[in-house]
Amino acid sequence: MKGIFHDKNILIISPEPWSENHVSKHHYAIELAKQGNSVFYLNPPKTSGATLFQALGNQTNLKIINYTSGIMGLRFFPRFLARILMTWEVAKLQSICGVQFDIVWSFD
């Protein structure tokens, strides 16, 4: 039986980087990828530029994104402006990943 989370492009925004030590966000990403979704896990900003790479192991539907936004302190902006800027950032990430996201899940 296919559920609501099947055959979707999912962006997971996390304050925890992808590493050997997995926390709940990593487990969600792995399980969603196993269900046939294309999952993109956005690491917290660390370096400049943007890179997209395959997760290690047999998870072909799971990609890790290293991306640094030019906009810092977004949560301190007025809500309407923050929403516009977030939409712009998601559009840039969609361009990098080559997909249109169906679901954006932020743990930040």
PDB file of N, CA and C in Angstrom:
ATOM      1  N   MET A   1       0.838  -1.179   0.000  1.00  0.00           N
ATOM      2  CA  MET A   1       0.000   0.000   0.000  1.00  0.00           C
ATOM      3  C   MET A   1       0.884   1.244   0.000  1.00  0.00           C
ATOM      4  N   LYS A   2       0.624   2.138  -0.924  1.00  0.00           N
ATOM      5  CA  LYS A   2       1.394   3.367  -1.016  1.00  0.00           C
ATOM      6  C   LYS A   2       0.701   4.452  -0.199  1.00  0.00           C
ATOM      7  N   GLY A   3       1.499   5.137   0.622  1.00  0.00           N
ATOM      8  CA  GLY A   3       0.957   6.192   1.453  1.00  0.00           C
ATOM      9  C   GLY A   3       1.168   7.559   0.832  1.00  0.00           C
ATOM     10  N   ILE A   4       0.931   8.572   1.629  1.00  0.00           N
ATOM     11  CA  ILE A   4       1.071   9.946   1.177  1.00  0.00           C
ATOM     12  C   ILE A   4       2.526  10.284   0.855  1.00  0.00           C
ATOM     13  N   PHE A   5       3.467   9.657   1.548  1.00  0.00           N
ATOM     14  CA  PHE A   5       4.883   9.894   1.333  1.00  0.00           C
ATOM     15  C   PHE A   5       5.455   8.840   0.398  1.00  0.00           C
ATOM     16  N   HIS A   6       5.057   8.906  -0.861  1.00  0.00           N
ATOM     17  CA  HIS A   6       5.596   7.980  -1.865  1.00  0.00           C
ATOM     18  C   HIS A   6       5.773   8.739  -3.177  1.00  0.00           C
ATOM     19  N   ASP A   7       6.923   8.539  -3.786  1.00  0.00           N
ATOM     20  CA  ASP A   7       7.217   9.166  -5.083  1.00  0.00           C
ATOM     21  C   ASP A   7       7.216  10.693  -5.006  1.00  0.00           C
ATOM     22  N   LYS A   8       7.739  11.230  -3.917  1.00  0.00           N
ATOM     23  CA  LYS A   8       7.799  12.677  -3.711  1.00  0.00           C
ATOM     24  C   LYS A   8       9.253  13.138  -3.711  1.00  0.00           C
ATOM     25  N   ASN A   9       9.467  14.417  -3.984  1.00  0.00           N
ATOM     26  CA  ASN A   9      10.775  15.057  -3.829  1.00  0.00           C
ATOM     27  C   ASN A   9      10.719  15.817  -2.510  1.00  0.00           C
ATOM     28  N   ILE A  10      11.516  15.369  -1.546  1.00  0.00           N
ATOM     29  CA  ILE A  10      11.443  15.901  -0.189  1.00  0.00           C
ATOM     30  C   ILE A  10      12.766  16.571   0.173  1.00  0.00           C
ATOM     31  N   LEU A  11      12.681  17.803   0.653  1.00  0.00           N
ATOM     32  CA  LEU A  11      13.839  18.523   1.174  1.00  0.00           C
ATOM     33  C   LEU A  11      13.753  18.515   2.686  1.00  0.00           C
ATOM     34  N   ILE A  12      14.781  17.981   3.344  1.00  0.00           N
ATOM     35  CA  ILE A  12      14.861  17.999   4.801  1.00  0.00           C
ATOM     36  C   ILE A  12      15.933  19.015   5.183  1.00  0.00           C
ATOM     37  N   ILE A  13      15.528  20.038   5.937  1.00  0.00           N
ATOM     38  CA  ILE A  13      16.449  21.070   6.402  1.00  0.00           C
ATOM     39  C   ILE A  13      16.792  20.752   7.849  1.00  0.00           C
ATOM     40  N   SER A  14      18.084  20.563   8.109  1.00  0.00           N
ATOM     41  CA  SER A  14      18.484  20.100   9.423  1.00  0.00           C
ATOM     42  C   SER A  14      19.598  20.941  10.042  1.00  0.00           C
ATOM     43  N   PRO A  15      19.541  21.134  11.368  1.00  0.00           N
ATOM     44  CA  PRO A  15      20.656  21.777  12.061  1.00  0.00           C
ATOM     45  C   PRO A  15      21.779  20.785  12.372  1.00  0.00           C
ATOM     46  N   GLU A  16      21.534  19.506  12.121  1.00  0.00           N
ATOM     47  CA  GLU A  16      22.528  18.447  12.353  1.00  0.00           C
ATOM     48  C   GLU A  16      23.128  18.006  11.027  1.00  0.00           C
ATOM     49  N   PRO A  17      24.453  18.049  10.866  1.00  0.00           N
ATOM     50  CA  PRO A  17      25.058  17.610   9.600  1.00  0.00           C
ATOM     51  C   PRO A  17      24.941  16.095   9.428  1.00  0.00           C
ATOM     52  N   TRP A  18      24.997  15.678   8.167  1.00  0.00           N
ATOM     53  CA  TRP A  18      24.999  14.244   7.870  1.00  0.00           C
ATOM     54  C   TRP A  18      26.363  13.700   8.288  1.00  0.00           C
ATOM     55  N   SER A  19      26.366  12.718   9.161  1.00  0.00           N
ATOM     56  CA  SER A  19      27.612  12.139   9.654  1.00  0.00           C
ATOM     57  C   SER A  19      27.363  10.703  10.065  1.00  0.00           C
ATOM     58  N   GLU A  20      28.353  10.106  10.695  1.00  0.00           N
ATOM     59  CA  GLU A  20      28.235   8.719  11.151  1.00  0.00           C
ATOM     60  C   GLU A  20      27.214   8.583  12.288  1.00  0.00           C
ATOM     61  N   ASN A  21      27.095   9.595  13.119  1.00  0.00           N
ATOM     62  CA  ASN A  21      26.160   9.556  14.243  1.00  0.00           C
ATOM     63  C   ASN A  21      24.799  10.059  13.777  1.00  0.00           C
ATOM     64  N   HIS A  22      23.864   9.137  13.658  1.00  0.00           N
ATOM     65  CA  HIS A  22      22.544   9.496  13.160  1.00  0.00           C
ATOM     66  C   HIS A  22      21.591   9.814  14.305  1.00  0.00           C
ATOM     67  N   VAL A  23      20.846  10.904  14.124  1.00  0.00           N
ATOM     68  CA  VAL A  23      19.772  11.258  15.044  1.00  0.00           C
ATOM     69  C   VAL A  23      18.464  11.124  14.270  1.00  0.00           C
ATOM     70  N   SER A  24      17.366  11.513  14.868  1.00  0.00           N
ATOM     71  CA  SER A  24      16.050  11.266  14.267  1.00  0.00           C
ATOM     72  C   SER A  24      15.939  11.770  12.828  1.00  0.00           C
ATOM     73  N   LYS A  25      16.502  12.937  12.538  1.00  0.00           N
ATOM     74  CA  LYS A  25      16.390  13.510  11.198  1.00  0.00           C
ATOM     75  C   LYS A  25      17.005  12.594  10.140  1.00  0.00           C
ATOM     76  N   HIS A  26      18.112  11.981  10.491  1.00  0.00           N
ATOM     77  CA  HIS A  26      18.784  11.059   9.570  1.00  0.00           C
ATOM     78  C   HIS A  26      17.926   9.816   9.340  1.00  0.00           C
ATOM     79  N   HIS A  27      17.332   9.326  10.402  1.00  0.00           N
ATOM     80  CA  HIS A  27      16.480   8.135  10.279  1.00  0.00           C
ATOM     81  C   HIS A  27      15.239   8.434   9.430  1.00  0.00           C
ATOM     82  N   TYR A  28      14.649   9.622   9.610  1.00  0.00           N
ATOM     83  CA  TYR A  28      13.516  10.013   8.762  1.00  0.00           C
ATOM     84  C   TYR A  28      13.934  10.035   7.296  1.00  0.00           C
ATOM     85  N   ALA A  29      15.086  10.627   7.014  1.00  0.00           N
ATOM     86  CA  ALA A  29      15.574  10.718   5.633  1.00  0.00           C
ATOM     87  C   ALA A  29      15.761   9.331   5.030  1.00  0.00           C
ATOM     88  N   ILE A  30      16.370   8.431   5.770  1.00  0.00           N
ATOM     89  CA  ILE A  30      16.622   7.066   5.281  1.00  0.00           C
ATOM     90  C   ILE A  30      15.307   6.343   5.022  1.00  0.00           C
ATOM     91  N   GLU A  31      14.376   6.426   5.948  1.00  0.00           N
ATOM     92  CA  GLU A  31      13.095   5.730   5.788  1.00  0.00           C
ATOM     93  C   GLU A  31      12.278   6.300   4.631  1.00  0.00           C
ATOM     94  N   LEU A  32      12.275   7.621   4.494  1.00  0.00           N
ATOM     95  CA  LEU A  32      11.555   8.229   3.378  1.00  0.00           C
ATOM     96  C   LEU A  32      12.162   7.812   2.037  1.00  0.00           C
ATOM     97  N   ALA A  33      13.493   7.695   1.975  1.00  0.00           N
ATOM     98  CA  ALA A  33      14.161   7.243   0.745  1.00  0.00           C
ATOM     99  C   ALA A  33      13.803   5.793   0.447  1.00  0.00           C
ATOM    100  N   LYS A  34      13.710   4.966   1.473  1.00  0.00           N
ATOM    101  CA  LYS A  34      13.342   3.549   1.284  1.00  0.00           C
ATOM    102  C   LYS A  34      11.928   3.403   0.727  1.00  0.00           C
ATOM    103  N   GLN A  35      11.064   4.387   0.995  1.00  0.00           N
ATOM    104  CA  GLN A  35       9.673   4.333   0.535  1.00  0.00           C
ATOM    105  C   GLN A  35       9.511   4.853  -0.889  1.00  0.00           C
ATOM    106  N   GLY A  36      10.626   5.074  -1.581  1.00  0.00           N
ATOM    107  CA  GLY A  36      10.549   5.470  -2.984  1.00  0.00           C
ATOM    108  C   GLY A  36      10.554   6.969  -3.227  1.00  0.00           C
ATOM    109  N   ASN A  37      10.849   7.739  -2.206  1.00  0.00           N
ATOM    110  CA  ASN A  37      10.928   9.190  -2.366  1.00  0.00           C
ATOM    111  C   ASN A  37      12.349   9.599  -2.722  1.00  0.00           C
ATOM    112  N   SER A  38      12.490  10.722  -3.387  1.00  0.00           N
ATOM    113  CA  SER A  38      13.808  11.322  -3.590  1.00  0.00           C
ATOM    114  C   SER A  38      13.993  12.317  -2.454  1.00  0.00           C
ATOM    115  N   VAL A  39      14.946  12.017  -1.579  1.00  0.00           N
ATOM    116  CA  VAL A  39      15.153  12.821  -0.382  1.00  0.00           C
ATOM    117  C   VAL A  39      16.445  13.609  -0.524  1.00  0.00           C
ATOM    118  N   PHE A  40      16.359  14.901  -0.220  1.00  0.00           N
ATOM    119  CA  PHE A  40      17.511  15.791  -0.251  1.00  0.00           C
ATOM    120  C   PHE A  40      17.699  16.327   1.159  1.00  0.00           C
ATOM    121  N   TYR A  41      18.838  15.997   1.766  1.00  0.00           N
ATOM    122  CA  TYR A  41      19.132  16.374   3.144  1.00  0.00           C
ATOM    123  C   TYR A  41      20.066  17.572   3.122  1.00  0.00           C
ATOM    124  N   LEU A  42      19.582  18.717   3.606  1.00  0.00           N
ATOM    125  CA  LEU A  42      20.355  19.954   3.595  1.00  0.00           C
ATOM    126  C   LEU A  42      21.134  20.079   4.891  1.00  0.00           C
ATOM    127  N   ASN A  43      22.469  19.994   4.776  1.00  0.00           N
ATOM    128  CA  ASN A  43      23.335  20.191   5.932  1.00  0.00           C
ATOM    129  C   ASN A  43      23.280  21.641   6.384  1.00  0.00           C
ATOM    130  N   PRO A  44      23.609  21.902   7.660  1.00  0.00           N
ATOM    131  CA  PRO A  44      23.681  23.304   8.088  1.00  0.00           C
ATOM    132  C   PRO A  44      24.803  24.023   7.342  1.00  0.00           C
ATOM    133  N   PRO A  45      24.699  25.340   7.174  1.00  0.00           N
ATOM    134  CA  PRO A  45      25.725  26.078   6.431  1.00  0.00           C
ATOM    135  C   PRO A  45      27.090  25.942   7.093  1.00  0.00           C
ATOM    136  N   LYS A  46      28.095  25.683   6.270  1.00  0.00           N
ATOM    137  CA  LYS A  46      29.442  25.509   6.803  1.00  0.00           C
ATOM    138  C   LYS A  46      30.488  26.138   5.898  1.00  0.00           C
ATOM    139  N   THR A  47      30.394  25.870   4.620  1.00  0.00           N
ATOM    140  CA  THR A  47      31.367  26.387   3.666  1.00  0.00           C
ATOM    141  C   THR A  47      30.652  27.199   2.601  1.00  0.00           C
ATOM    142  N   SER A  48      31.417  27.887   1.797  1.00  0.00           N
ATOM    143  CA  SER A  48      30.789  28.666   0.733  1.00  0.00           C
ATOM    144  C   SER A  48      30.502  27.782  -0.468  1.00  0.00           C
ATOM    145  N   GLY A  49      29.571  28.228  -1.284  1.00  0.00           N
ATOM    146  CA  GLY A  49      29.224  27.485  -2.487  1.00  0.00           C
ATOM    147  C   GLY A  49      28.149  26.452  -2.222  1.00  0.00           C
ATOM    148  N   ALA A  50      27.968  25.570  -3.219  1.00  0.00           N
ATOM    149  CA  ALA A  50      26.944  24.543  -3.112  1.00  0.00           C
ATOM    150  C   ALA A  50      27.453  23.256  -3.731  1.00  0.00           C
ATOM    151  N   THR A  51      27.226  22.146  -3.049  1.00  0.00           N
ATOM    152  CA  THR A  51      27.565  20.835  -3.593  1.00  0.00           C
ATOM    153  C   THR A  51      26.427  19.875  -3.294  1.00  0.00           C
ATOM    154  N   LEU A  52      26.259  18.926  -4.174  1.00  0.00           N
ATOM    155  CA  LEU A  52      25.233  17.897  -4.043  1.00  0.00           C
ATOM    156  C   LEU A  52      25.928  16.567  -4.218  1.00  0.00           C
ATOM    157  N   PHE A  53      25.775  15.653  -3.271  1.00  0.00           N
ATOM    158  CA  PHE A  53      26.406  14.357  -3.416  1.00  0.00           C
ATOM    159  C   PHE A  53      25.531  13.251  -2.855  1.00  0.00           C
ATOM    160  N   GLN A  54      25.811  12.050  -3.317  1.00  0.00           N
ATOM    161  CA  GLN A  54      25.063  10.853  -2.929  1.00  0.00           C
ATOM    162  C   GLN A  54      25.430  10.441  -1.507  1.00  0.00           C
ATOM    163  N   ALA A  55      24.445  10.031  -0.742  1.00  0.00           N
ATOM    164  CA  ALA A  55      24.715   9.493   0.584  1.00  0.00           C
ATOM    165  C   ALA A  55      25.466   8.175   0.441  1.00  0.00           C
ATOM    166  N   LEU A  56      26.298   7.872   1.401  1.00  0.00           N
ATOM    167  CA  LEU A  56      27.043   6.612   1.360  1.00  0.00           C
ATOM    168  C   LEU A  56      26.104   5.448   1.618  1.00  0.00           C
ATOM    169  N   GLY A  57      26.484   4.305   1.153  1.00  0.00           N
ATOM    170  CA  GLY A  57      25.653   3.122   1.344  1.00  0.00           C
ATOM    171  C   GLY A  57      24.780   2.860   0.141  1.00  0.00           C
ATOM    172  N   ASN A  58      23.707   2.150   0.367  1.00  0.00           N
ATOM    173  CA  ASN A  58      22.853   1.724  -0.739  1.00  0.00           C
ATOM    174  C   ASN A  58      21.632   2.622  -0.923  1.00  0.00           C
ATOM    175  N   GLN A  59      21.635   3.815  -0.364  1.00  0.00           N
ATOM    176  CA  GLN A  59      20.496   4.727  -0.483  1.00  0.00           C
ATOM    177  C   GLN A  59      20.631   5.593  -1.732  1.00  0.00           C
ATOM    178  N   THR A  60      20.174   5.081  -2.864  1.00  0.00           N
ATOM    179  CA  THR A  60      20.294   5.841  -4.115  1.00  0.00           C
ATOM    180  C   THR A  60      19.324   7.017  -4.173  1.00  0.00           C
ATOM    181  N   ASN A  61      18.277   6.987  -3.372  1.00  0.00           N
ATOM    182  CA  ASN A  61      17.281   8.061  -3.383  1.00  0.00           C
ATOM    183  C   ASN A  61      17.594   9.161  -2.373  1.00  0.00           C
ATOM    184  N   LEU A  62      18.758   9.088  -1.740  1.00  0.00           N
ATOM    185  CA  LEU A  62      19.104  10.054  -0.704  1.00  0.00           C
ATOM    186  C   LEU A  62      20.334  10.845  -1.121  1.00  0.00           C
ATOM    187  N   LYS A  63      20.163  12.163  -1.206  1.00  0.00           N
ATOM    188  CA  LYS A  63      21.263  13.048  -1.593  1.00  0.00           C
ATOM    189  C   LYS A  63      21.505  14.055  -0.475  1.00  0.00           C
ATOM    190  N   ILE A  64      22.772  14.389  -0.287  1.00  0.00           N
ATOM    191  CA  ILE A  64      23.161  15.336   0.744  1.00  0.00           C
ATOM    192  C   ILE A  64      23.552  16.651   0.062  1.00  0.00           C
ATOM    193  N   ILE A  65      23.080  17.768   0.603  1.00  0.00           N
ATOM    194  CA  ILE A  65      23.370  19.077   0.026  1.00  0.00           C
ATOM    195  C   ILE A  65      24.194  19.891   1.021  1.00  0.00           C
ATOM    196  N   ASN A  66      25.323  20.394   0.556  1.00  0.00           N
ATOM    197  CA  ASN A  66      26.082  21.403   1.297  1.00  0.00           C
ATOM    198  C   ASN A  66      25.831  22.718   0.580  1.00  0.00           C
ATOM    199  N   TYR A  67      25.266  23.676   1.293  1.00  0.00           N
ATOM    200  CA  TYR A  67      24.871  24.930   0.670  1.00  0.00           C
ATOM    201  C   TYR A  67      24.957  26.032   1.708  1.00  0.00           C
ATOM    202  N   THR A  68      25.516  27.149   1.319  1.00  0.00           N
ATOM    203  CA  THR A  68      25.583  28.294   2.216  1.00  0.00           C
ATOM    204  C   THR A  68      24.749  29.420   1.633  1.00  0.00           C
ATOM    205  N   SER A  69      23.754  29.815   2.378  1.00  0.00           N
ATOM    206  CA  SER A  69      22.890  30.916   1.970  1.00  0.00           C
ATOM    207  C   SER A  69      23.607  32.233   2.212  1.00  0.00           C
ATOM    208  N   GLY A  70      23.289  33.215   1.417  1.00  0.00           N
ATOM    209  CA  GLY A  70      23.833  34.542   1.627  1.00  0.00           C
ATOM    210  C   GLY A  70      23.042  35.325   2.653  1.00  0.00           C
ATOM    211  N   ILE A  71      21.941  34.739   3.155  1.00  0.00           N
ATOM    212  CA  ILE A  71      21.046  35.434   4.071  1.00  0.00           C
ATOM    213  C   ILE A  71      21.200  34.828   5.467  1.00  0.00           C
ATOM    214  N   MET A  72      21.679  35.607   6.388  1.00  0.00           N
ATOM    215  CA  MET A  72      21.846  35.145   7.763  1.00  0.00           C
ATOM    216  C   MET A  72      20.793  35.816   8.653  1.00  0.00           C
ATOM    217  N   GLY A  73      20.417  35.145   9.734  1.00  0.00           N
ATOM    218  CA  GLY A  73      19.472  35.710  10.688  1.00  0.00           C
ATOM    219  C   GLY A  73      18.066  35.854  10.158  1.00  0.00           C
ATOM    220  N   LEU A  74      17.667  34.932   9.290  1.00  0.00           N
ATOM    221  CA  LEU A  74      16.359  35.008   8.645  1.00  0.00           C
ATOM    222  C   LEU A  74      15.215  35.058   9.663  1.00  0.00           C
ATOM    223  N   ARG A  75      15.391  34.398  10.789  1.00  0.00           N
ATOM    224  CA  ARG A  75      14.309  34.359  11.782  1.00  0.00           C
ATOM    225  C   ARG A  75      14.051  35.725  12.431  1.00  0.00           C
ATOM    226  N   PHE A  76      14.983  36.677  12.270  1.00  0.00           N
ATOM    227  CA  PHE A  76      14.813  38.004  12.842  1.00  0.00           C
ATOM    228  C   PHE A  76      14.135  38.981  11.884  1.00  0.00           C
ATOM    229  N   PHE A  77      13.912  38.552  10.645  1.00  0.00           N
ATOM    230  CA  PHE A  77      13.253  39.398   9.651  1.00  0.00           C
ATOM    231  C   PHE A  77      11.745  39.398   9.911  1.00  0.00           C
ATOM    232  N   PRO A  78      11.031  40.429   9.447  1.00  0.00           N
ATOM    233  CA  PRO A  78       9.563  40.370   9.518  1.00  0.00           C
ATOM    234  C   PRO A  78       9.064  39.139   8.755  1.00  0.00           C
ATOM    235  N   ARG A  79       8.002  38.558   9.237  1.00  0.00           N
ATOM    236  CA  ARG A  79       7.511  37.289   8.697  1.00  0.00           C
ATOM    237  C   ARG A  79       7.292  37.316   7.188  1.00  0.00           C
ATOM    238  N   PHE A  80       6.651  38.372   6.669  1.00  0.00           N
ATOM    239  CA  PHE A  80       6.371  38.427   5.233  1.00  0.00           C
ATOM    240  C   PHE A  80       7.665  38.473   4.424  1.00  0.00           C
ATOM    241  N   LEU A  81       8.670  39.195   4.909  1.00  0.00           N
ATOM    242  CA  LEU A  81       9.942  39.277   4.207  1.00  0.00           C
ATOM    243  C   LEU A  81      10.710  37.956   4.313  1.00  0.00           C
ATOM    244  N   ALA A  82      10.679  37.335   5.492  1.00  0.00           N
ATOM    245  CA  ALA A  82      11.342  36.042   5.681  1.00  0.00           C
ATOM    246  C   ALA A  82      10.750  34.990   4.748  1.00  0.00           C
ATOM    247  N   ARG A  83       9.426  35.010   4.581  1.00  0.00           N
ATOM    248  CA  ARG A  83       8.759  34.050   3.692  1.00  0.00           C
ATOM    249  C   ARG A  83       9.210  34.237   2.242  1.00  0.00           C
ATOM    250  N   ILE A  84       9.314  35.483   1.804  1.00  0.00           N
ATOM    251  CA  ILE A  84       9.766  35.771   0.440  1.00  0.00           C
ATOM    252  C   ILE A  84      11.196  35.280   0.253  1.00  0.00           C
ATOM    253  N   LEU A  85      12.052  35.573   1.214  1.00  0.00           N
ATOM    254  CA  LEU A  85      13.456  35.164   1.120  1.00  0.00           C
ATOM    255  C   LEU A  85      13.605  33.640   1.172  1.00  0.00           C
ATOM    256  N   MET A  86      12.797  32.978   2.010  1.00  0.00           N
ATOM    257  CA  MET A  86      12.848  31.513   2.075  1.00  0.00           C
ATOM    258  C   MET A  86      12.395  30.901   0.755  1.00  0.00           C
ATOM    259  N   THR A  87      11.366  31.456   0.154  1.00  0.00           N
ATOM    260  CA  THR A  87      10.886  30.974  -1.144  1.00  0.00           C
ATOM    261  C   THR A  87      11.984  31.097  -2.192  1.00  0.00           C
ATOM    262  N   TRP A  88      12.699  32.200  -2.161  1.00  0.00           N
ATOM    263  CA  TRP A  88      13.806  32.431  -3.091  1.00  0.00           C
ATOM    264  C   TRP A  88      14.927  31.409  -2.866  1.00  0.00           C
ATOM    265  N   GLU A  89      15.244  31.132  -1.600  1.00  0.00           N
ATOM    266  CA  GLU A  89      16.287  30.151  -1.279  1.00  0.00           C
ATOM    267  C   GLU A  89      15.879  28.738  -1.722  1.00  0.00           C
ATOM    268  N   VAL A  90      14.626  28.379  -1.505  1.00  0.00           N
ATOM    269  CA  VAL A  90      14.151  27.056  -1.928  1.00  0.00           C
ATOM    270  C   VAL A  90      14.219  26.941  -3.449  1.00  0.00           C
ATOM    271  N   ALA A  91      13.883  28.005  -4.149  1.00  0.00           N
ATOM    272  CA  ALA A  91      13.976  27.993  -5.621  1.00  0.00           C
ATOM    273  C   ALA A  91      15.425  27.765  -6.071  1.00  0.00           C
ATOM    274  N   LYS A  92      16.380  28.386  -5.389  1.00  0.00           N
ATOM    275  CA  LYS A  92      17.792  28.162  -5.719  1.00  0.00           C
ATOM    276  C   LYS A  92      18.192  26.708  -5.461  1.00  0.00           C
ATOM    277  N   LEU A  93      17.729  26.147  -4.349  1.00  0.00           N
ATOM    278  CA  LEU A  93      18.040  24.743  -4.034  1.00  0.00           C
ATOM    279  C   LEU A  93      17.404  23.801  -5.052  1.00  0.00           C
ATOM    280  N   GLN A  94      16.194  24.104  -5.490  1.00  0.00           N
ATOM    281  CA  GLN A  94      15.546  23.286  -6.516  1.00  0.00           C
ATOM    282  C   GLN A  94      16.361  23.302  -7.800  1.00  0.00           C
ATOM    283  N   SER A  95      16.911  24.441  -8.128  1.00  0.00           N
ATOM    284  CA  SER A  95      17.742  24.557  -9.323  1.00  0.00           C
ATOM    285  C   SER A  95      19.009  23.716  -9.186  1.00  0.00           C
ATOM    286  N   ILE A  96      19.637  23.760  -8.017  1.00  0.00           N
ATOM    287  CA  ILE A  96      20.847  22.973  -7.764  1.00  0.00           C
ATOM    288  C   ILE A  96      20.546  21.478  -7.860  1.00  0.00           C
ATOM    289  N   CYS A  97      19.420  21.064  -7.291  1.00  0.00           N
ATOM    290  CA  CYS A  97      19.058  19.643  -7.242  1.00  0.00           C
ATOM    291  C   CYS A  97      18.391  19.153  -8.517  1.00  0.00           C
ATOM    292  N   GLY A  98      17.900  20.057  -9.329  1.00  0.00           N
ATOM    293  CA  GLY A  98      17.251  19.673 -10.578  1.00  0.00           C
ATOM    294  C   GLY A  98      15.871  19.072 -10.395  1.00  0.00           C
ATOM    295  N   VAL A  99      15.197  19.426  -9.301  1.00  0.00           N
ATOM    296  CA  VAL A  99      13.847  18.918  -9.038  1.00  0.00           C
ATOM    297  C   VAL A  99      12.984  20.041  -8.487  1.00  0.00           C
ATOM    298  N   GLN A 100      11.678  19.801  -8.476  1.00  0.00           N
ATOM    299  CA  GLN A 100      10.711  20.669  -7.817  1.00  0.00           C
ATOM    300  C   GLN A 100      10.314  19.955  -6.534  1.00  0.00           C
ATOM    301  N   PHE A 101      10.541  20.557  -5.375  1.00  0.00           N
ATOM    302  CA  PHE A 101      10.226  19.897  -4.112  1.00  0.00           C
ATOM    303  C   PHE A 101       8.723  19.846  -3.876  1.00  0.00           C
ATOM    304  N   ASP A 102       8.247  18.658  -3.483  1.00  0.00           N
ATOM    305  CA  ASP A 102       6.852  18.498  -3.103  1.00  0.00           C
ATOM    306  C   ASP A 102       6.663  18.829  -1.633  1.00  0.00           C
ATOM    307  N   ILE A 103       7.684  18.505  -0.833  1.00  0.00           N
ATOM    308  CA  ILE A 103       7.607  18.694   0.611  1.00  0.00           C
ATOM    309  C   ILE A 103       8.928  19.314   1.088  1.00  0.00           C
ATOM    310  N   VAL A 104       8.822  20.368   1.897  1.00  0.00           N
ATOM    311  CA  VAL A 104       9.992  20.939   2.548  1.00  0.00           C
ATOM    312  C   VAL A 104       9.773  20.764   4.044  1.00  0.00           C
ATOM    313  N   TRP A 105      10.666  20.018   4.692  1.00  0.00           N
ATOM    314  CA  TRP A 105      10.522  19.677   6.089  1.00  0.00           C
ATOM    315  C   TRP A 105      11.693  20.291   6.835  1.00  0.00           C
ATOM    316  N   SER A 106      11.424  21.305   7.653  1.00  0.00           N
ATOM    317  CA  SER A 106      12.495  22.005   8.355  1.00  0.00           C
ATOM    318  C   SER A 106      12.523  21.597   9.823  1.00  0.00           C
ATOM    319  N   PHE A 107      13.692  21.171  10.277  1.00  0.00           N
ATOM    320  CA  PHE A 107      13.916  20.861  11.684  1.00  0.00           C
ATOM    321  C   PHE A 107      14.628  22.013  12.381  1.00  0.00           C
ATOM    322  N   ASP A 108      14.870  23.090  11.627  1.00  0.00           N
ATOM    323  CA  ASP A 108      15.608  24.229  12.182  1.00  0.00           C
ATOM    324  C   ASP A 108      14.681  25.130  12.969  1.00  0.00           C
TER     325      ASP A 108
END
